[in-house]
Every structure is written in structure tokens, then in C-alpha cells.
């Protein structure tokens, strides 16, 4: 009888404890989980499974690895929030797959994304033909973001967290010197002070970092 009570207690305790841990990790949709998030969740599930299977072992031995994983996840989230390069390394970058109705084969091959995948996600976005697309981006989550030609012009992020997005400048056929000159016109001499800057409707929209 004591054995059954121990199993029930450990199960209920680990359920509540892991629920608290997941809440502390923050709210993210399943499709938006980063690689680190996914690895941490899988390891926590494995640790909990071992703890429930070996009910004679110390409960602290099961809790400690989960706490360590929680610390790893929180630290990675803080680093990703503070440094875009870390965020790109962990989460990846969106990939431009279609531009002006033309499929970019090199990007498709790079991300091992085939035409069947593309056609399926276009149907899910209610797009009948590739020729109707202005831009289609494969997001780090695996979702396809589609912008039709008859929709509002696409907004290009040129600066994110003070980091200049040179690949977007190339798409616009512009360079870093042009961007710095535009910032100077807005009395901004240091791009690192810019929190977010986008190019939309043929002009810059700039938001500075909070002091």
C-alpha cells in the first residue's frame, strides 16, 4: 500500500512541479518553439519518466536536472532577447523562397524544402498560383508567410536591436552607407541606438531604444 501511495505522490508532485517550470519558461506556441526549447522539453519529459519508473530513488535527484534545464532555458531566452545574433543562432532566420512570382531554388535546396511542401502551404494560405505572390518567407517555425502582389507593400526590417540587416538592404538594392545617411537625416548618428527600423511605403519608420 505504501508503494502505491509513493507512486501517486511522486506523480502528482512532478505534475505540479513541471507545470510550474513550464509556466516559468514563458508562453510560446508549439510551432514557435526554438531548438533549445524543444530539447529542454524532451529532456524534462525523459527525466520525469525515469523518476516515475524508479520510485525508490530520491525525488531530489529528479528535481535537480529539471531545475538545471530550466536555468539553461531561461539563460538562453535572456541571451536571445538581448543579442540578435544569439537569437538567429538559436531560432534561425526566415528564408525568402518566392519573390515577385519566382521561386528561389537555391533557398529551397538550402532548407530541404520541396515543391510539394510549397504547394501545400500555398493552398493553406489560400493562394492559387505562385505568380500571385510578391514575397513568401519560410519562418523559423516552419510556417510560410505569404504576401500577395495586390496587398500592401512588404515592410523590410533594416535594423533590429541595433543590428543592421544587410540581407534586406541587398533585396532593396541599397547598402549600409545609404542607411546611415538616412539615419543622419533623422538626427541619428549611431545605429546601435535604434531598436527597430523598417522600410515601408518608400520611407523609414524608426523606433529608438528606451534609455
N, C-alpha and C. Protein backbone atom coordinates (compact mmCIF):
# COMPACT_ATOMS: atom_id res chain seq x y z
N UNK A 1 0.84 -1.21 0.00
CA UNK A 1 0.00 0.00 0.00
C UNK A 1 0.88 1.26 0.00
N UNK A 2 1.95 1.20 0.78
CA UNK A 2 2.85 2.35 0.86
C UNK A 2 3.50 2.61 -0.50
N UNK A 3 3.76 1.53 -1.23
CA UNK A 3 4.36 1.67 -2.55
C UNK A 3 3.44 2.44 -3.49
N UNK A 4 2.15 2.12 -3.47
CA UNK A 4 1.18 2.82 -4.33
C UNK A 4 1.04 4.29 -3.93
N UNK A 5 1.07 4.55 -2.61
CA UNK A 5 0.98 5.93 -2.14
C UNK A 5 2.18 6.74 -2.64
N UNK A 6 3.37 6.13 -2.61
CA UNK A 6 4.59 6.80 -3.08
C UNK A 6 4.49 7.15 -4.56
N UNK A 7 3.99 6.19 -5.35
CA UNK A 7 3.86 6.43 -6.79
C UNK A 7 2.87 7.55 -7.07
N UNK A 8 1.74 7.54 -6.37
CA UNK A 8 0.72 8.58 -6.57
C UNK A 8 1.26 9.95 -6.16
N UNK A 9 1.96 9.99 -5.02
CA UNK A 9 2.52 11.26 -4.54
C UNK A 9 3.55 11.81 -5.51
N UNK A 10 4.48 10.95 -5.98
CA UNK A 10 5.53 11.40 -6.90
C UNK A 10 4.92 11.88 -8.22
N UNK A 11 3.89 11.17 -8.69
CA UNK A 11 3.24 11.57 -9.94
C UNK A 11 2.59 12.94 -9.81
N UNK A 12 1.83 13.14 -8.74
CA UNK A 12 1.15 14.43 -8.53
C UNK A 12 2.16 15.55 -8.31
N UNK A 13 3.21 15.26 -7.54
CA UNK A 13 4.22 16.29 -7.26
C UNK A 13 4.94 16.70 -8.54
N UNK A 14 5.38 15.71 -9.33
CA UNK A 14 6.09 16.02 -10.56
C UNK A 14 5.19 16.73 -11.56
N UNK A 15 3.91 16.38 -11.58
CA UNK A 15 2.97 17.06 -12.48
C UNK A 15 2.89 18.54 -12.15
N UNK A 16 2.69 18.85 -10.87
CA UNK A 16 2.59 20.25 -10.45
C UNK A 16 3.92 20.97 -10.65
N UNK A 17 5.02 20.30 -10.31
CA UNK A 17 6.34 20.92 -10.41
C UNK A 17 6.68 21.25 -11.87
N UNK A 18 6.44 20.28 -12.77
CA UNK A 18 6.75 20.51 -14.19
C UNK A 18 5.82 21.56 -14.77
N UNK A 19 4.57 21.61 -14.32
CA UNK A 19 3.64 22.64 -14.78
C UNK A 19 4.15 24.03 -14.40
N UNK A 20 4.66 24.15 -13.18
CA UNK A 20 5.24 25.43 -12.72
C UNK A 20 6.48 25.78 -13.55
N UNK A 21 7.31 24.79 -13.81
CA UNK A 21 8.53 25.00 -14.60
C UNK A 21 8.18 25.51 -16.00
N UNK A 22 7.19 24.88 -16.65
CA UNK A 22 6.79 25.30 -17.99
C UNK A 22 6.23 26.72 -17.98
N UNK A 23 5.49 27.07 -16.93
CA UNK A 23 4.96 28.44 -16.85
C UNK A 23 6.09 29.44 -16.68
N UNK A 24 7.13 29.06 -15.96
CA UNK A 24 8.28 29.95 -15.77
C UNK A 24 9.07 30.12 -17.06
N UNK A 25 8.98 29.15 -17.95
CA UNK A 25 9.71 29.24 -19.22
C UNK A 25 9.07 30.23 -20.18
N UNK A 26 7.84 30.65 -19.91
CA UNK A 26 7.17 31.61 -20.77
C UNK A 26 6.19 30.94 -21.70
N UNK A 27 5.36 31.77 -22.33
CA UNK A 27 4.31 31.28 -23.21
C UNK A 27 4.75 31.36 -24.66
N UNK A 28 4.80 30.19 -25.31
CA UNK A 28 5.11 30.13 -26.73
C UNK A 28 4.26 29.03 -27.35
N UNK A 29 3.79 29.29 -28.56
CA UNK A 29 3.05 28.26 -29.26
C UNK A 29 3.98 27.13 -29.66
N UNK A 30 3.40 25.93 -29.82
CA UNK A 30 4.22 24.77 -30.17
C UNK A 30 4.99 24.98 -31.46
N UNK A 31 4.36 25.66 -32.43
CA UNK A 31 5.02 25.89 -33.71
C UNK A 31 6.13 26.91 -33.63
N UNK A 32 6.23 27.63 -32.50
CA UNK A 32 7.24 28.68 -32.35
C UNK A 32 8.37 28.27 -31.43
N UNK A 33 8.39 27.01 -31.00
CA UNK A 33 9.45 26.56 -30.11
C UNK A 33 10.79 26.56 -30.83
N UNK A 34 11.82 27.06 -30.14
CA UNK A 34 13.16 27.01 -30.70
C UNK A 34 13.73 25.61 -30.48
N UNK A 35 14.89 25.36 -31.07
CA UNK A 35 15.54 24.06 -30.91
C UNK A 35 15.86 23.81 -29.44
N UNK A 36 16.35 24.85 -28.75
CA UNK A 36 16.67 24.70 -27.33
C UNK A 36 15.42 24.39 -26.52
N UNK A 37 14.32 25.09 -26.80
CA UNK A 37 13.06 24.81 -26.11
C UNK A 37 12.66 23.36 -26.28
N UNK A 38 12.73 22.88 -27.51
CA UNK A 38 12.32 21.51 -27.82
C UNK A 38 13.20 20.50 -27.10
N UNK A 39 14.52 20.72 -27.12
CA UNK A 39 15.45 19.81 -26.44
C UNK A 39 15.19 19.80 -24.94
N UNK A 40 14.97 20.98 -24.36
CA UNK A 40 14.71 21.07 -22.92
C UNK A 40 13.42 20.33 -22.56
N UNK A 41 12.37 20.50 -23.35
CA UNK A 41 11.10 19.84 -23.07
C UNK A 41 11.24 18.32 -23.14
N UNK A 42 11.98 17.84 -24.16
CA UNK A 42 12.17 16.39 -24.31
C UNK A 42 12.96 15.83 -23.13
N UNK A 43 14.02 16.54 -22.72
CA UNK A 43 14.84 16.07 -21.60
C UNK A 43 14.05 16.07 -20.30
N UNK A 44 13.22 17.10 -20.08
CA UNK A 44 12.39 17.14 -18.88
C UNK A 44 11.43 15.96 -18.86
N UNK A 45 10.85 15.65 -20.02
CA UNK A 45 9.93 14.51 -20.10
C UNK A 45 10.67 13.21 -19.79
N UNK A 46 11.92 13.07 -20.28
CA UNK A 46 12.70 11.87 -20.01
C UNK A 46 13.05 11.76 -18.53
N UNK A 47 13.46 12.87 -17.93
CA UNK A 47 13.81 12.88 -16.50
C UNK A 47 12.59 12.50 -15.66
N UNK A 48 11.44 13.08 -16.00
CA UNK A 48 10.21 12.77 -15.25
C UNK A 48 9.84 11.30 -15.41
N UNK A 49 10.03 10.76 -16.61
CA UNK A 49 9.70 9.36 -16.85
C UNK A 49 10.58 8.44 -16.00
N UNK A 50 11.87 8.75 -15.92
CA UNK A 50 12.77 7.94 -15.09
C UNK A 50 12.39 8.04 -13.61
N UNK A 51 12.01 9.26 -13.18
CA UNK A 51 11.64 9.46 -11.78
C UNK A 51 10.40 8.66 -11.41
N UNK A 52 9.45 8.56 -12.34
CA UNK A 52 8.22 7.80 -12.08
C UNK A 52 8.47 6.29 -12.15
N UNK A 53 9.41 5.92 -13.02
CA UNK A 53 9.71 4.49 -13.18
C UNK A 53 10.49 3.94 -11.99
N UNK A 54 11.45 4.75 -11.51
CA UNK A 54 12.27 4.33 -10.37
C UNK A 54 11.82 5.10 -9.13
N UNK A 55 10.71 4.66 -8.54
CA UNK A 55 10.12 5.41 -7.44
C UNK A 55 10.90 5.27 -6.13
N UNK A 56 11.89 4.37 -6.10
CA UNK A 56 12.69 4.20 -4.88
C UNK A 56 13.85 5.21 -4.82
N UNK A 57 14.17 5.84 -5.95
CA UNK A 57 15.25 6.83 -5.96
C UNK A 57 14.79 8.13 -5.31
N UNK A 58 15.77 8.95 -4.93
CA UNK A 58 15.45 10.22 -4.27
C UNK A 58 14.71 11.15 -5.22
N UNK A 59 13.67 11.81 -4.70
CA UNK A 59 12.90 12.75 -5.53
C UNK A 59 13.75 13.96 -5.90
N UNK A 60 14.70 14.31 -5.03
CA UNK A 60 15.58 15.44 -5.31
C UNK A 60 16.43 15.16 -6.56
N UNK A 61 16.81 13.89 -6.75
CA UNK A 61 17.60 13.53 -7.93
C UNK A 61 16.83 13.76 -9.23
N UNK A 62 15.50 13.73 -9.15
CA UNK A 62 14.66 14.01 -10.32
C UNK A 62 14.44 15.50 -10.51
N UNK A 63 14.33 16.22 -9.40
CA UNK A 63 14.05 17.66 -9.46
C UNK A 63 15.28 18.45 -9.92
N UNK A 64 16.46 18.06 -9.46
CA UNK A 64 17.68 18.82 -9.76
C UNK A 64 17.95 18.96 -11.26
N UNK A 65 17.89 17.86 -12.07
CA UNK A 65 18.11 18.04 -13.51
C UNK A 65 17.07 18.96 -14.16
N UNK A 66 15.83 18.90 -13.68
CA UNK A 66 14.78 19.75 -14.24
C UNK A 66 15.07 21.22 -13.93
N UNK A 67 15.56 21.49 -12.71
CA UNK A 67 15.91 22.87 -12.34
C UNK A 67 17.07 23.36 -13.20
N UNK A 68 18.06 22.50 -13.44
CA UNK A 68 19.21 22.87 -14.29
C UNK A 68 18.73 23.18 -15.71
N UNK A 69 17.84 22.35 -16.23
CA UNK A 69 17.30 22.58 -17.58
C UNK A 69 16.51 23.89 -17.63
N UNK A 70 15.77 24.18 -16.57
CA UNK A 70 15.03 25.44 -16.50
C UNK A 70 15.99 26.63 -16.56
N UNK A 71 17.09 26.55 -15.81
CA UNK A 71 18.08 27.63 -15.81
C UNK A 71 18.70 27.80 -17.20
N UNK A 72 19.01 26.67 -17.86
CA UNK A 72 19.57 26.73 -19.22
C UNK A 72 18.60 27.42 -20.16
N UNK A 73 17.32 27.05 -20.07
CA UNK A 73 16.32 27.63 -20.98
C UNK A 73 16.14 29.12 -20.73
N UNK A 74 16.09 29.52 -19.45
CA UNK A 74 15.91 30.95 -19.11
C UNK A 74 17.11 31.76 -19.57
N UNK A 75 18.32 31.24 -19.36
CA UNK A 75 19.53 31.95 -19.78
C UNK A 75 19.57 32.10 -21.30
N UNK A 76 19.22 31.04 -22.02
CA UNK A 76 19.21 31.11 -23.49
C UNK A 76 18.17 32.11 -23.97
N UNK A 77 17.01 32.16 -23.27
CA UNK A 77 15.96 33.11 -23.65
C UNK A 77 16.42 34.55 -23.41
N UNK A 78 17.12 34.79 -22.29
CA UNK A 78 17.62 36.14 -21.98
C UNK A 78 18.69 36.56 -22.99
N UNK A 79 19.58 35.64 -23.32
CA UNK A 79 20.62 35.95 -24.32
C UNK A 79 20.00 36.22 -25.68
N UNK A 80 18.98 35.44 -26.05
CA UNK A 80 18.31 35.64 -27.33
C UNK A 80 17.59 36.98 -27.36
N UNK A 81 17.04 37.39 -26.21
CA UNK A 81 16.34 38.67 -26.13
C UNK A 81 17.31 39.83 -26.25
N UNK A 82 18.52 39.67 -25.70
CA UNK A 82 19.48 40.77 -25.68
C UNK A 82 20.33 40.85 -26.94
N UNK A 83 20.65 39.69 -27.52
CA UNK A 83 21.55 39.65 -28.68
C UNK A 83 20.88 38.97 -29.86
N UNK A 84 20.73 39.71 -30.94
CA UNK A 84 20.05 39.15 -32.12
C UNK A 84 20.85 38.01 -32.74
N UNK A 85 22.18 38.10 -32.69
CA UNK A 85 23.00 37.04 -33.27
C UNK A 85 22.74 35.71 -32.56
N UNK A 86 22.57 35.77 -31.25
CA UNK A 86 22.23 34.55 -30.50
C UNK A 86 20.85 34.07 -30.90
N UNK A 87 19.92 35.01 -31.07
CA UNK A 87 18.56 34.66 -31.48
C UNK A 87 18.55 33.99 -32.86
N UNK A 88 19.36 34.50 -33.77
CA UNK A 88 19.45 33.90 -35.10
C UNK A 88 20.06 32.51 -35.04
N UNK A 89 21.05 32.34 -34.14
CA UNK A 89 21.72 31.05 -33.99
C UNK A 89 20.76 30.02 -33.41
N UNK A 90 19.95 30.43 -32.44
CA UNK A 90 19.04 29.50 -31.76
C UNK A 90 17.79 29.26 -32.58
N UNK A 91 17.16 30.34 -33.02
CA UNK A 91 15.86 30.22 -33.68
C UNK A 91 15.96 30.11 -35.20
N UNK A 92 17.07 30.57 -35.77
CA UNK A 92 17.18 30.59 -37.21
C UNK A 92 16.59 31.87 -37.79
N UNK A 93 16.78 32.05 -39.08
CA UNK A 93 16.34 33.25 -39.78
C UNK A 93 15.28 32.88 -40.81
N UNK A 94 14.30 33.75 -41.07
CA UNK A 94 13.36 33.45 -42.15
C UNK A 94 14.07 33.42 -43.50
N UNK A 95 13.59 32.55 -44.38
CA UNK A 95 14.21 32.39 -45.70
C UNK A 95 13.23 32.83 -46.78
N UNK A 96 13.72 33.67 -47.70
CA UNK A 96 12.89 34.14 -48.81
C UNK A 96 12.84 33.04 -49.89
N UNK A 97 11.66 32.45 -50.08
CA UNK A 97 11.51 31.35 -51.04
C UNK A 97 10.92 31.79 -52.37
N UNK A 98 10.08 32.83 -52.33
CA UNK A 98 9.45 33.32 -53.56
C UNK A 98 9.52 34.84 -53.57
N UNK A 99 9.93 35.39 -54.73
CA UNK A 99 9.96 36.84 -54.87
C UNK A 99 9.42 37.21 -56.25
N UNK A 100 8.40 38.06 -56.24
CA UNK A 100 7.77 38.51 -57.49
C UNK A 100 7.35 37.34 -58.38
N UNK A 101 6.79 36.32 -57.75
CA UNK A 101 6.28 35.17 -58.50
C UNK A 101 7.32 34.18 -58.95
N UNK A 102 8.59 34.38 -58.56
CA UNK A 102 9.69 33.49 -58.97
C UNK A 102 10.18 32.71 -57.76
N UNK A 103 10.22 31.38 -57.88
CA UNK A 103 10.71 30.52 -56.81
C UNK A 103 12.23 30.54 -56.78
N UNK A 104 12.80 30.75 -55.60
CA UNK A 104 14.26 30.79 -55.44
C UNK A 104 14.74 29.39 -55.11
N UNK A 105 15.23 28.69 -56.12
CA UNK A 105 15.59 27.26 -55.97
C UNK A 105 16.71 27.05 -54.96
N UNK A 106 17.69 27.95 -54.94
CA UNK A 106 18.83 27.78 -54.03
C UNK A 106 18.39 27.78 -52.58
N UNK A 107 17.42 28.64 -52.23
CA UNK A 107 16.90 28.69 -50.87
C UNK A 107 16.08 27.44 -50.56
N UNK A 108 15.35 26.95 -51.56
CA UNK A 108 14.56 25.72 -51.37
C UNK A 108 15.50 24.56 -51.04
N UNK A 109 16.59 24.43 -51.79
CA UNK A 109 17.53 23.34 -51.55
C UNK A 109 18.23 23.50 -50.20
N UNK A 110 18.59 24.73 -49.87
CA UNK A 110 19.30 25.01 -48.63
C UNK A 110 18.51 24.56 -47.41
N UNK A 111 17.19 24.74 -47.47
CA UNK A 111 16.33 24.39 -46.33
C UNK A 111 15.61 23.06 -46.53
N UNK A 112 16.04 22.30 -47.56
CA UNK A 112 15.45 20.98 -47.84
C UNK A 112 13.92 21.08 -47.89
N UNK A 113 13.46 22.05 -48.65
CA UNK A 113 12.04 22.37 -48.77
C UNK A 113 11.64 22.11 -50.21
N UNK A 114 10.75 21.14 -50.45
CA UNK A 114 10.44 20.76 -51.82
C UNK A 114 9.17 21.46 -52.33
N UNK A 115 8.89 21.26 -53.60
CA UNK A 115 7.75 21.92 -54.24
C UNK A 115 6.42 21.44 -53.68
N UNK A 116 6.36 20.18 -53.26
CA UNK A 116 5.12 19.68 -52.64
C UNK A 116 4.82 20.43 -51.35
N UNK A 117 5.87 20.68 -50.54
CA UNK A 117 5.70 21.46 -49.31
C UNK A 117 5.21 22.87 -49.63
N UNK A 118 5.83 23.47 -50.64
CA UNK A 118 5.47 24.83 -51.03
C UNK A 118 4.01 24.90 -51.49
N UNK A 119 3.62 23.99 -52.36
CA UNK A 119 2.25 24.00 -52.90
C UNK A 119 1.23 23.77 -51.78
N UNK A 120 1.55 22.89 -50.85
CA UNK A 120 0.64 22.62 -49.75
C UNK A 120 0.42 23.87 -48.89
N UNK A 121 1.54 24.55 -48.55
CA UNK A 121 1.40 25.72 -47.69
C UNK A 121 0.79 26.90 -48.44
N UNK A 122 0.96 26.96 -49.75
CA UNK A 122 0.28 28.00 -50.52
C UNK A 122 -1.23 27.77 -50.49
N UNK A 123 -1.65 26.51 -50.62
CA UNK A 123 -3.08 26.20 -50.54
C UNK A 123 -3.63 26.56 -49.16
N UNK A 124 -2.84 26.28 -48.12
CA UNK A 124 -3.27 26.60 -46.76
C UNK A 124 -3.40 28.10 -46.56
N UNK A 125 -2.63 28.88 -47.33
CA UNK A 125 -2.71 30.35 -47.26
C UNK A 125 -3.73 30.92 -48.25
N UNK A 126 -4.43 30.04 -48.96
CA UNK A 126 -5.45 30.48 -49.90
C UNK A 126 -4.88 31.13 -51.15
N UNK A 127 -3.67 30.71 -51.55
CA UNK A 127 -3.02 31.26 -52.74
C UNK A 127 -3.14 30.25 -53.88
N UNK A 128 -3.70 30.68 -55.00
CA UNK A 128 -3.94 29.77 -56.12
C UNK A 128 -2.70 29.55 -56.97
N UNK A 129 -1.87 30.57 -57.11
CA UNK A 129 -0.73 30.48 -58.02
C UNK A 129 0.48 31.20 -57.45
N UNK A 130 1.66 30.67 -57.75
CA UNK A 130 2.91 31.31 -57.32
C UNK A 130 3.04 32.69 -57.94
N UNK A 131 2.49 32.87 -59.13
CA UNK A 131 2.61 34.15 -59.82
C UNK A 131 1.85 35.27 -59.12
N UNK A 132 0.97 34.91 -58.17
CA UNK A 132 0.23 35.92 -57.40
C UNK A 132 1.03 36.46 -56.22
N UNK A 133 2.19 35.86 -55.98
CA UNK A 133 2.95 36.16 -54.76
C UNK A 133 3.98 37.27 -55.00
N UNK A 134 4.01 38.22 -54.09
CA UNK A 134 5.07 39.22 -54.09
C UNK A 134 6.27 38.67 -53.34
N UNK A 135 6.02 38.16 -52.11
CA UNK A 135 7.08 37.56 -51.30
C UNK A 135 6.48 36.41 -50.50
N UNK A 136 7.27 35.35 -50.33
CA UNK A 136 6.89 34.23 -49.47
C UNK A 136 8.11 33.85 -48.63
N UNK A 137 7.96 33.93 -47.32
CA UNK A 137 9.06 33.65 -46.40
C UNK A 137 8.78 32.37 -45.62
N UNK A 138 9.77 31.49 -45.55
CA UNK A 138 9.71 30.33 -44.68
C UNK A 138 10.21 30.75 -43.31
N UNK A 139 9.31 30.76 -42.33
CA UNK A 139 9.65 31.22 -40.99
C UNK A 139 10.42 30.14 -40.23
N UNK A 140 11.17 30.53 -39.17
CA UNK A 140 11.89 29.53 -38.37
C UNK A 140 10.96 28.47 -37.78
N UNK A 141 9.69 28.81 -37.59
CA UNK A 141 8.72 27.85 -37.05
C UNK A 141 8.31 26.80 -38.07
N UNK A 142 8.65 27.03 -39.37
CA UNK A 142 8.24 26.12 -40.42
C UNK A 142 7.01 26.60 -41.18
N UNK A 143 6.37 27.66 -40.67
CA UNK A 143 5.21 28.22 -41.36
C UNK A 143 5.66 29.08 -42.55
N UNK A 144 4.78 29.20 -43.54
CA UNK A 144 5.07 30.02 -44.71
C UNK A 144 4.25 31.31 -44.64
N UNK A 145 4.94 32.45 -44.63
CA UNK A 145 4.28 33.75 -44.64
C UNK A 145 4.23 34.26 -46.08
N UNK A 146 3.00 34.50 -46.56
CA UNK A 146 2.81 34.85 -47.97
C UNK A 146 2.24 36.25 -48.09
N UNK A 147 2.83 37.05 -48.99
CA UNK A 147 2.36 38.41 -49.28
C UNK A 147 2.01 38.48 -50.76
N UNK A 148 0.75 38.73 -51.03
CA UNK A 148 0.30 38.78 -52.43
C UNK A 148 0.65 40.12 -53.07
N UNK A 149 0.68 40.13 -54.39
CA UNK A 149 1.08 41.33 -55.13
C UNK A 149 0.08 42.47 -54.96
N UNK A 150 -1.20 42.14 -54.75
CA UNK A 150 -2.20 43.19 -54.63
C UNK A 150 -2.37 43.68 -53.21
N UNK A 151 -1.56 43.16 -52.28
CA UNK A 151 -1.64 43.59 -50.89
C UNK A 151 -0.69 44.76 -50.65
N UNK A 152 -0.78 45.29 -49.43
CA UNK A 152 0.10 46.39 -49.04
C UNK A 152 1.56 45.96 -49.17
N UNK A 153 2.41 46.90 -49.56
CA UNK A 153 3.82 46.58 -49.78
C UNK A 153 4.46 46.00 -48.53
N UNK A 154 5.40 45.09 -48.76
CA UNK A 154 6.06 44.39 -47.65
C UNK A 154 6.99 45.34 -46.90
N UNK A 155 6.99 45.23 -45.57
CA UNK A 155 7.85 46.06 -44.73
C UNK A 155 9.15 45.31 -44.43
N UNK A 156 10.28 45.89 -44.83
CA UNK A 156 11.58 45.25 -44.62
C UNK A 156 12.21 45.74 -43.33
N UNK A 157 12.50 44.85 -42.38
CA UNK A 157 13.25 45.25 -41.19
C UNK A 157 14.71 45.53 -41.58
N UNK A 158 15.16 46.75 -41.38
CA UNK A 158 16.53 47.11 -41.73
C UNK A 158 17.45 47.15 -40.51
N UNK A 159 16.87 47.42 -39.33
CA UNK A 159 17.64 47.39 -38.08
C UNK A 159 16.78 46.70 -37.03
N UNK A 160 17.35 45.71 -36.36
CA UNK A 160 16.68 45.02 -35.27
C UNK A 160 17.61 44.98 -34.08
N UNK A 161 17.20 45.57 -32.97
CA UNK A 161 18.04 45.63 -31.77
C UNK A 161 19.41 46.22 -32.06
N UNK A 162 19.44 47.25 -32.92
CA UNK A 162 20.70 47.91 -33.24
C UNK A 162 21.56 47.18 -34.26
N UNK A 163 21.09 46.02 -34.73
CA UNK A 163 21.86 45.21 -35.69
C UNK A 163 21.32 45.45 -37.10
N UNK A 164 22.16 45.96 -37.99
CA UNK A 164 21.75 46.26 -39.36
C UNK A 164 21.56 44.96 -40.15
N UNK A 165 20.42 44.85 -40.83
CA UNK A 165 20.08 43.66 -41.62
C UNK A 165 20.52 43.87 -43.07
N UNK A 166 21.77 43.53 -43.34
CA UNK A 166 22.34 43.79 -44.66
C UNK A 166 21.66 42.99 -45.77
N UNK A 167 21.15 41.81 -45.44
CA UNK A 167 20.49 40.99 -46.48
C UNK A 167 19.23 41.67 -46.98
N UNK A 168 18.53 42.40 -46.09
CA UNK A 168 17.34 43.12 -46.53
C UNK A 168 17.71 44.35 -47.35
N UNK A 169 18.84 44.95 -47.00
CA UNK A 169 19.32 46.09 -47.80
C UNK A 169 19.64 45.64 -49.22
N UNK A 170 20.22 44.45 -49.36
CA UNK A 170 20.54 43.93 -50.69
C UNK A 170 19.28 43.70 -51.51
N UNK A 171 18.22 43.21 -50.85
CA UNK A 171 16.96 42.99 -51.56
C UNK A 171 16.42 44.31 -52.10
N UNK A 172 16.63 45.39 -51.34
CA UNK A 172 16.17 46.72 -51.76
C UNK A 172 17.17 47.42 -52.68
N UNK A 173 18.28 46.73 -52.97
CA UNK A 173 19.35 47.30 -53.81
C UNK A 173 19.93 48.56 -53.17
N UNK A 174 20.12 48.48 -51.85
CA UNK A 174 20.72 49.58 -51.10
C UNK A 174 21.85 49.02 -50.23
N UNK A 175 22.62 49.93 -49.61
CA UNK A 175 23.74 49.46 -48.80
C UNK A 175 23.74 50.15 -47.44
N UNK A 176 24.75 49.80 -46.61
CA UNK A 176 24.84 50.32 -45.25
C UNK A 176 25.06 51.83 -45.27
N UNK A 177 25.87 52.33 -46.22
CA UNK A 177 26.13 53.76 -46.29
C UNK A 177 24.83 54.53 -46.54
N UNK A 178 23.98 54.00 -47.41
CA UNK A 178 22.69 54.65 -47.67
C UNK A 178 21.86 54.70 -46.40
N UNK A 179 21.83 53.60 -45.66
CA UNK A 179 21.03 53.54 -44.44
C UNK A 179 21.55 54.53 -43.40
N UNK A 180 22.87 54.60 -43.23
CA UNK A 180 23.44 55.53 -42.26
C UNK A 180 23.15 56.97 -42.65
N UNK A 181 23.16 57.25 -43.96
CA UNK A 181 22.84 58.60 -44.42
C UNK A 181 21.38 58.94 -44.11
N UNK A 182 20.49 57.97 -44.28
CA UNK A 182 19.07 58.18 -43.96
C UNK A 182 18.87 58.39 -42.46
N UNK A 183 19.62 57.65 -41.65
CA UNK A 183 19.53 57.83 -40.20
C UNK A 183 20.03 59.21 -39.79
N UNK A 184 21.09 59.67 -40.45
CA UNK A 184 21.62 61.00 -40.16
C UNK A 184 20.59 62.08 -40.44
N UNK A 185 19.80 61.89 -41.49
CA UNK A 185 18.73 62.85 -41.80
C UNK A 185 17.71 62.91 -40.68
N UNK A 186 17.62 61.83 -39.91
CA UNK A 186 16.69 61.78 -38.77
C UNK A 186 17.41 62.05 -37.45
N UNK A 187 18.60 62.68 -37.54
CA UNK A 187 19.40 63.06 -36.37
C UNK A 187 19.84 61.85 -35.55
N UNK A 188 20.11 60.72 -36.23
CA UNK A 188 20.59 59.51 -35.56
C UNK A 188 21.97 59.20 -36.13
N UNK A 189 22.99 59.26 -35.27
CA UNK A 189 24.36 59.05 -35.73
C UNK A 189 24.88 57.65 -35.42
N UNK A 190 24.19 56.94 -34.53
CA UNK A 190 24.64 55.60 -34.13
C UNK A 190 23.49 54.61 -34.31
N UNK A 191 23.66 53.64 -35.23
CA UNK A 191 22.60 52.68 -35.50
C UNK A 191 22.33 51.76 -34.31
N UNK A 192 23.29 51.63 -33.40
CA UNK A 192 23.10 50.75 -32.24
C UNK A 192 22.05 51.29 -31.27
N UNK A 193 21.69 52.58 -31.42
CA UNK A 193 20.67 53.18 -30.55
C UNK A 193 19.26 52.93 -31.09
N UNK A 194 19.18 52.32 -32.28
CA UNK A 194 17.88 52.06 -32.90
C UNK A 194 17.36 50.69 -32.47
N UNK A 195 16.16 50.67 -31.93
CA UNK A 195 15.54 49.41 -31.51
C UNK A 195 14.94 48.68 -32.71
N UNK A 196 14.24 49.43 -33.57
CA UNK A 196 13.57 48.81 -34.72
C UNK A 196 13.45 49.85 -35.82
N UNK A 197 13.84 49.44 -37.02
CA UNK A 197 13.74 50.33 -38.19
C UNK A 197 13.29 49.50 -39.38
N UNK A 198 12.21 49.93 -40.03
CA UNK A 198 11.71 49.22 -41.21
C UNK A 198 11.57 50.18 -42.39
N UNK A 199 11.63 49.60 -43.58
CA UNK A 199 11.42 50.35 -44.81
C UNK A 199 10.04 49.98 -45.35
N UNK A 200 9.14 50.93 -45.31
CA UNK A 200 7.76 50.67 -45.74
C UNK A 200 7.21 51.91 -46.43
N UNK A 201 6.49 51.68 -47.53
CA UNK A 201 5.90 52.79 -48.30
C UNK A 201 6.98 53.79 -48.72
N UNK A 202 8.17 53.25 -49.07
CA UNK A 202 9.29 54.07 -49.56
C UNK A 202 9.80 55.08 -48.54
N UNK A 203 9.70 54.74 -47.28
CA UNK A 203 10.29 55.60 -46.25
C UNK A 203 10.61 54.77 -45.01
N UNK A 204 11.48 55.33 -44.17
CA UNK A 204 11.89 54.64 -42.95
C UNK A 204 10.93 54.92 -41.81
N UNK A 205 10.67 53.89 -41.03
CA UNK A 205 9.93 54.03 -39.77
C UNK A 205 10.88 53.58 -38.66
N UNK A 206 11.21 54.52 -37.77
CA UNK A 206 12.28 54.28 -36.80
C UNK A 206 11.75 54.37 -35.38
N UNK A 207 12.18 53.40 -34.55
CA UNK A 207 11.89 53.44 -33.12
C UNK A 207 13.20 53.26 -32.36
N UNK A 208 13.55 54.25 -31.53
CA UNK A 208 14.79 54.19 -30.78
C UNK A 208 14.64 53.31 -29.54
N UNK A 209 15.79 52.85 -29.03
CA UNK A 209 15.77 52.05 -27.82
C UNK A 209 15.39 52.92 -26.63
N UNK A 210 14.76 52.31 -25.64
CA UNK A 210 14.44 53.05 -24.42
C UNK A 210 15.73 53.36 -23.68
N UNK A 211 15.80 54.55 -23.13
CA UNK A 211 17.01 54.95 -22.42
C UNK A 211 17.06 54.29 -21.05
